[in-house]
Protein backbone atom coordinates (compact mmCIF):
# COMPACT_ATOMS: atom_id res chain seq x y z
CA MET A 1 -73.06 -62.31 -264.08
CA THR A 2 -70.33 -59.91 -264.97
CA THR A 3 -70.60 -56.21 -264.23
CA LEU A 4 -69.11 -53.58 -266.43
CA THR A 5 -67.25 -50.79 -264.74
CA ALA A 6 -66.49 -47.47 -266.40
CA PRO A 7 -62.82 -46.87 -266.97
CA ALA A 8 -61.20 -44.49 -264.56
CA ARG A 9 -61.33 -40.93 -265.80
CA ARG A 10 -57.91 -39.76 -266.71
CA PRO A 11 -56.95 -36.35 -265.42
CA ARG A 12 -56.87 -33.64 -267.99
CA SER A 13 -53.43 -33.12 -269.29
CA PHE A 14 -51.69 -29.78 -269.18
CA ARG A 15 -51.61 -29.73 -272.95
CA ARG A 16 -55.40 -30.02 -273.19
CA TRP A 17 -55.92 -27.35 -270.49
CA TYR A 18 -53.48 -25.06 -272.26
CA SER A 19 -55.23 -25.58 -275.59
CA ASP A 20 -58.62 -24.78 -274.01
CA LYS A 21 -57.90 -21.84 -271.69
CA GLY A 22 -54.22 -21.43 -271.08
CA TYR A 23 -53.55 -20.07 -274.56
CA TRP A 24 -55.95 -17.18 -274.05
CA LEU A 25 -54.65 -16.52 -270.56
CA ALA A 26 -51.13 -16.43 -271.94
CA LEU A 27 -52.20 -13.85 -274.50
CA MET A 28 -53.92 -11.74 -271.83
CA ALA A 29 -51.10 -12.06 -269.31
CA PRO A 30 -49.02 -9.07 -270.57
CA VAL A 31 -52.07 -6.78 -270.42
CA LEU A 32 -53.06 -8.03 -266.96
CA ILE A 33 -49.52 -7.61 -265.66
CA PHE A 34 -49.39 -4.09 -267.10
CA LEU A 35 -52.72 -3.16 -265.52
CA LEU A 36 -51.66 -4.52 -262.14
CA ALA A 37 -48.24 -2.86 -262.23
CA ALA A 38 -49.11 0.46 -263.89
CA GLN A 39 -52.74 1.03 -262.88
CA PHE A 40 -54.05 -0.83 -259.86
CA TYR A 41 -50.92 -0.79 -257.71
CA PRO A 42 -50.36 3.00 -258.05
CA LEU A 43 -54.06 3.55 -257.39
CA LEU A 44 -54.04 1.48 -254.20
CA GLU A 45 -50.74 3.02 -253.10
CA THR A 46 -52.13 6.53 -253.60
CA ILE A 47 -55.14 5.68 -251.43
CA ARG A 48 -52.87 4.20 -248.76
CA ILE A 49 -50.53 7.21 -248.71
CA GLY A 50 -53.55 9.48 -248.27
CA PHE A 51 -54.04 8.01 -244.79
CA THR A 52 -50.46 8.80 -243.71
CA ASN A 53 -48.39 11.90 -243.04
CA GLU A 54 -45.64 10.83 -245.44
CA THR A 55 -43.32 13.60 -246.59
CA ALA A 56 -40.09 13.74 -248.55
CA THR A 57 -38.36 15.76 -245.82
CA ALA A 58 -38.94 13.13 -243.11
CA PRO A 59 -39.30 9.76 -244.88
CA GLY A 60 -38.52 7.71 -241.76
CA GLU A 61 -41.20 9.37 -239.62
CA THR A 62 -44.28 8.30 -241.59
CA GLU A 63 -47.28 7.53 -239.39
CA TRP A 64 -50.84 6.39 -239.97
CA VAL A 65 -53.07 9.42 -239.41
CA GLY A 66 -56.40 8.04 -240.59
CA PHE A 67 -58.75 10.72 -241.91
CA ASP A 68 -56.76 13.67 -240.56
CA ASN A 69 -55.61 14.73 -244.05
CA TYR A 70 -59.18 14.66 -245.34
CA SER A 71 -60.47 16.57 -242.31
CA GLN A 72 -57.83 19.24 -242.76
CA LEU A 73 -58.62 19.62 -246.45
CA LEU A 74 -62.39 19.73 -246.12
CA ARG A 75 -62.61 21.81 -242.94
CA GLU A 76 -59.46 23.88 -242.55
CA ASP A 77 -57.98 24.45 -246.02
CA PRO A 78 -59.39 27.78 -247.26
CA ARG A 79 -58.40 27.05 -250.88
CA PHE A 80 -59.83 23.56 -251.27
CA TRP A 81 -63.44 24.51 -251.99
CA GLN A 82 -62.38 27.24 -254.41
CA ILE A 83 -60.25 24.67 -256.25
CA PHE A 84 -63.16 22.22 -256.16
CA ARG A 85 -65.44 24.80 -257.82
CA ASN A 86 -62.73 25.55 -260.37
CA SER A 87 -62.52 21.84 -261.21
CA ILE A 88 -66.27 21.50 -261.75
CA PHE A 89 -66.36 24.65 -263.90
CA TRP A 90 -63.32 23.48 -265.89
CA VAL A 91 -64.79 20.06 -266.63
CA LEU A 92 -68.34 21.12 -267.42
CA GLY A 93 -67.24 24.07 -269.54
CA SER A 94 -64.73 22.03 -271.54
CA VAL A 95 -67.04 19.06 -272.10
CA VAL A 96 -70.05 21.17 -273.14
CA LEU A 97 -67.96 23.23 -275.57
CA GLN A 98 -66.35 20.12 -277.04
CA LEU A 99 -69.69 18.41 -277.57
CA VAL A 100 -71.47 21.46 -279.03
CA LEU A 101 -68.63 22.59 -281.30
CA GLY A 102 -67.72 19.00 -282.15
CA THR A 103 -71.31 18.36 -283.28
CA LEU A 104 -71.29 21.51 -285.43
CA ALA A 105 -67.94 20.55 -286.95
CA ALA A 106 -69.16 17.02 -287.69
CA LEU A 107 -72.33 18.34 -289.34
CA VAL A 108 -70.28 20.61 -291.57
CA LEU A 109 -67.75 17.91 -292.48
CA ASN A 110 -70.60 15.53 -293.29
CA LEU A 111 -71.74 17.83 -296.08
CA SER A 112 -70.59 17.46 -299.69
CA LEU A 113 -67.78 20.01 -299.53
CA ARG A 114 -64.95 20.59 -301.91
CA LEU A 115 -61.67 19.22 -300.54
CA ARG A 116 -63.64 17.51 -297.77
CA ALA A 117 -60.86 15.00 -297.16
CA LEU A 118 -58.40 17.87 -296.64
CA TRP A 119 -60.64 19.58 -294.07
CA ARG A 120 -61.14 16.32 -292.21
CA GLY A 121 -57.39 15.81 -292.10
CA LEU A 122 -56.75 19.33 -290.85
CA LEU A 123 -59.31 18.81 -288.11
CA MET A 124 -57.06 16.17 -286.58
CA VAL A 125 -54.04 18.48 -286.22
CA PRO A 126 -54.92 19.72 -282.68
CA TRP A 127 -55.59 16.17 -281.51
CA VAL A 128 -52.22 14.79 -282.62
CA THR A 129 -50.28 17.84 -281.38
CA PRO A 130 -48.59 17.23 -277.99
CA VAL A 131 -50.29 18.97 -275.10
CA VAL A 132 -47.16 20.91 -274.13
CA VAL A 133 -46.83 22.23 -277.70
CA VAL A 134 -50.49 23.26 -277.60
CA ALA A 135 -49.89 25.15 -274.35
CA ILE A 136 -46.84 26.92 -275.81
CA ILE A 137 -48.83 27.98 -278.87
CA TRP A 138 -51.69 29.37 -276.81
CA ARG A 139 -49.29 31.07 -274.41
CA TRP A 140 -47.67 32.81 -277.36
CA LEU A 141 -51.06 33.86 -278.72
CA PHE A 142 -52.33 35.34 -275.45
CA GLN A 143 -49.07 36.48 -273.91
CA GLY A 144 -49.26 39.83 -272.13
CA GLY A 145 -47.58 42.81 -273.75
CA GLU A 146 -47.11 43.52 -277.44
CA SER A 147 -45.22 40.25 -277.96
CA GLY A 148 -48.52 38.35 -277.74
CA LEU A 149 -50.07 37.81 -281.17
CA ILE A 150 -53.63 38.68 -280.08
CA ASN A 151 -52.52 41.88 -278.35
CA HIS A 152 -50.41 42.81 -281.35
CA TYR A 153 -53.27 42.66 -283.85
CA LEU A 154 -55.86 44.12 -281.48
CA GLY A 155 -53.56 47.10 -281.04
CA ARG A 156 -52.90 47.46 -284.77
CA VAL A 157 -56.61 47.63 -285.64
CA GLY A 158 -57.24 50.10 -282.80
CA ILE A 159 -59.50 47.92 -280.63
CA ILE A 160 -57.28 48.31 -277.56
CA ASP A 161 -54.84 51.00 -276.47
CA ASP A 162 -52.96 49.01 -273.83
CA PRO A 163 -52.08 45.30 -274.03
CA ILE A 164 -54.33 42.91 -272.10
CA VAL A 165 -52.64 40.51 -269.72
CA PHE A 166 -54.96 37.63 -270.60
CA LEU A 167 -53.34 34.93 -268.47
CA ALA A 168 -53.23 37.08 -265.33
CA SER A 169 -56.69 38.60 -265.64
CA ASP A 170 -59.58 37.29 -263.56
CA VAL A 171 -61.89 38.13 -266.47
CA TRP A 172 -59.97 36.59 -269.37
CA VAL A 173 -57.96 33.71 -267.95
CA TRP A 174 -60.77 31.14 -267.81
CA PRO A 175 -62.08 31.85 -271.34
CA VAL A 176 -58.55 31.40 -272.67
CA LEU A 177 -58.07 28.11 -270.81
CA LEU A 178 -61.45 26.76 -271.93
CA LEU A 179 -60.72 27.81 -275.50
CA ALA A 180 -57.35 26.02 -275.45
CA SER A 181 -58.87 22.88 -273.91
CA THR A 182 -61.71 22.87 -276.45
CA TRP A 183 -59.31 23.34 -279.36
CA LYS A 184 -57.32 20.35 -278.18
CA GLY A 185 -60.27 18.03 -277.48
CA LEU A 186 -62.69 19.06 -280.24
CA PRO A 187 -61.25 16.74 -282.96
CA PHE A 188 -61.88 13.65 -280.83
CA ALA A 189 -65.53 14.59 -280.31
CA ALA A 190 -66.01 15.63 -283.93
CA LEU A 191 -64.49 12.38 -285.23
CA LEU A 192 -66.80 10.15 -283.18
CA ILE A 193 -69.87 12.23 -283.98
CA LEU A 194 -68.98 12.29 -287.68
CA ALA A 195 -68.75 8.49 -287.68
CA ALA A 196 -72.20 8.31 -286.09
CA LEU A 197 -73.63 10.72 -288.66
CA GLN A 198 -72.34 8.59 -291.50
CA SER A 199 -74.12 5.57 -290.03
CA LEU A 200 -77.47 7.38 -290.17
CA PRO A 201 -79.42 6.03 -293.19
CA LYS A 202 -80.17 8.70 -295.78
CA GLU A 203 -83.60 7.20 -296.29
CA VAL A 204 -84.61 8.30 -292.79
CA GLN A 205 -83.63 11.91 -293.50
CA GLU A 206 -85.37 11.82 -296.88
CA SER A 207 -88.55 10.41 -295.35
CA ALA A 208 -88.60 13.17 -292.74
CA ALA A 209 -88.07 15.78 -295.47
CA MET A 210 -90.93 14.33 -297.52
CA ASP A 211 -93.15 14.59 -294.42
CA GLY A 212 -92.50 18.32 -294.36
CA ALA A 213 -89.81 18.54 -291.64
CA ASN A 214 -87.37 21.39 -292.09
CA ALA A 215 -83.63 21.15 -291.39
CA ILE A 216 -83.95 22.09 -287.71
CA GLN A 217 -86.78 19.63 -287.14
CA ARG A 218 -84.85 16.85 -288.90
CA PHE A 219 -81.85 17.50 -286.71
CA TRP A 220 -83.86 17.66 -283.48
CA HIS A 221 -86.14 14.68 -284.06
CA VAL A 222 -84.03 12.42 -286.32
CA THR A 223 -80.32 13.20 -286.13
CA LEU A 224 -80.00 14.07 -282.46
CA PRO A 225 -81.73 10.89 -281.15
CA HIS A 226 -79.44 8.87 -283.41
CA LEU A 227 -76.41 10.67 -281.95
CA GLN A 228 -77.37 10.24 -278.29
CA PRO A 229 -75.33 7.06 -277.61
CA THR A 230 -72.28 8.58 -279.31
CA LEU A 231 -72.70 11.85 -277.42
CA PHE A 232 -72.91 9.88 -274.18
CA VAL A 233 -69.70 7.94 -274.85
CA THR A 234 -67.91 11.05 -276.11
CA GLY A 235 -69.07 13.14 -273.17
CA MET A 236 -68.09 10.48 -270.64
CA THR A 237 -64.62 10.08 -272.18
CA SER A 238 -64.11 13.85 -272.37
CA LEU A 239 -65.27 14.24 -268.76
CA VAL A 240 -62.69 11.80 -267.43
CA THR A 241 -59.80 13.03 -269.59
CA THR A 242 -60.55 16.71 -268.94
CA TRP A 243 -60.86 16.15 -265.19
CA PHE A 244 -57.26 14.97 -265.08
CA LYS A 245 -56.02 17.31 -267.83
CA PHE A 246 -53.21 18.89 -265.90
CA GLU A 247 -50.73 20.05 -268.54
CA ILE A 248 -52.62 22.88 -270.26
CA ILE A 249 -53.43 24.78 -267.09
CA TRP A 250 -50.00 24.24 -265.58
CA ALA A 251 -48.14 25.27 -268.74
CA LEU A 252 -50.28 28.37 -269.27
CA THR A 253 -50.87 29.74 -265.77
CA ASN A 254 -49.26 27.41 -263.18
CA GLY A 255 -52.66 27.48 -261.52
CA GLY A 256 -52.48 31.23 -261.08
CA PRO A 257 -52.90 34.06 -260.60
CA GLY A 258 -52.62 32.80 -257.05
CA PHE A 259 -54.88 29.73 -257.03
CA ALA A 260 -57.52 31.30 -259.30
CA THR A 261 -57.13 28.62 -262.01
CA SER A 262 -55.97 25.73 -259.86
CA ILE A 263 -57.88 22.48 -260.18
CA LEU A 264 -57.56 19.33 -258.09
CA PRO A 265 -54.82 17.73 -260.28
CA THR A 266 -52.69 20.89 -260.06
CA TYR A 267 -53.30 20.92 -256.30
CA VAL A 268 -51.98 17.36 -256.15
CA TYR A 269 -48.86 18.52 -257.99
CA THR A 270 -48.45 21.45 -255.60
CA PHE A 271 -48.57 19.23 -252.52
CA ALA A 272 -46.49 16.38 -253.99
CA PHE A 273 -43.70 18.15 -255.89
CA GLN A 274 -43.55 21.63 -254.42
CA ARG A 275 -44.37 21.08 -250.75
CA PHE A 276 -43.35 17.36 -250.78
CA GLN A 277 -46.38 16.46 -248.62
CA PHE A 278 -47.15 13.11 -250.19
CA GLY A 279 -49.82 12.18 -247.65
CA THR A 280 -51.91 15.27 -248.35
CA ALA A 281 -51.32 14.87 -252.09
CA GLY A 282 -52.66 11.31 -251.88
CA SER A 283 -55.75 12.57 -250.08
CA VAL A 284 -56.43 15.19 -252.76
CA ALA A 285 -55.91 12.61 -255.51
CA THR A 286 -58.31 10.20 -253.82
CA ILE A 287 -60.95 12.92 -253.44
CA ALA A 288 -60.51 13.83 -257.12
CA MET A 289 -60.98 10.19 -258.12
CA VAL A 290 -64.16 9.85 -256.04
CA ILE A 291 -65.62 13.07 -257.46
CA VAL A 292 -65.03 12.05 -261.08
CA LEU A 293 -66.64 8.67 -260.38
CA VAL A 294 -69.68 10.43 -258.90
CA LEU A 295 -69.92 12.78 -261.88
CA ALA A 296 -69.66 9.86 -264.29
CA ALA A 297 -72.38 7.99 -262.40
CA ILE A 298 -74.68 11.04 -262.48
CA VAL A 299 -74.19 11.42 -266.23
CA ALA A 300 -74.84 7.70 -266.76
CA LEU A 301 -78.04 7.85 -264.69
CA LEU A 302 -79.32 10.93 -266.51
CA PHE A 303 -78.59 9.35 -269.88
CA GLY A 304 -80.28 6.12 -268.85
CA GLU A 305 -83.41 7.95 -267.69
CA ARG A 306 -83.51 9.94 -270.93
CA ARG A 307 -83.26 6.79 -273.01
CA GLN A 308 -86.02 5.11 -271.00
CA LYS A 309 -88.30 8.10 -271.53
CA GLY A 310 -87.48 8.08 -275.23
CA ALA A 311 -88.18 4.34 -275.50
CA SER A 312 -91.51 4.66 -273.69
CA ARG A 313 -92.84 7.22 -276.14
């Protein structure tokens, strides 16, 4: 009796493997290499430097100091907690203003306006303008003395007698910075919210109107729940980008007067490129990264709980 044996399984050829998976890996390779070289390696190197006393003045004397930099910042640095509060205020103020004003702008641009396409195009001008140019414009507007445009017109109409030094005033400097940040980031929020509004079926709004809901009730019970996922994504993106938005503050005030408008990214710049204390700068950058991750997690948890409550109703 003869027995049949299965033929030996031939190993998969490189050509077949490449056609199955290698092709896609080859397409993804440039992105992966870029992420490793430009994102993950600098991130890991920043964390590593934060545990050393590396400086530019004594590069050959770098030593591992463990958590000494963090202990000095959190316990001994008198400015750190002020700068931490500034950072929280800067982020929350900018994000809330961008979401609120962006929603209002999107609601207006969603109406049947004359030249609506023109207004939508003009809305994008702040977004596409370079950050440094934005800072120069706002510095010119709020510059102290009569050369500042705001001071000039306030003086001409008789509202003020003496020019206001907006960017050196403890009262006015933060409103100006938040206004500049909101002007720059509002188009991004308005664009995403406008896209979400256009995806809302008109039949839903018409049904609510036929049931007797007024405009405010329709917005609160129909439009706003529809916008919640978009507001979450927009808020999360704005939170991360605003947290590391370094250029506007530095170009307008250099973190001053004193350290009154310094945030953690400007503090990193101060340590790294003014004092050349790279180890301390790495520690501040690592703390900033951890804080923004915690804030993002808190926002995600709050949004998730809100959606669960809404789904259970």
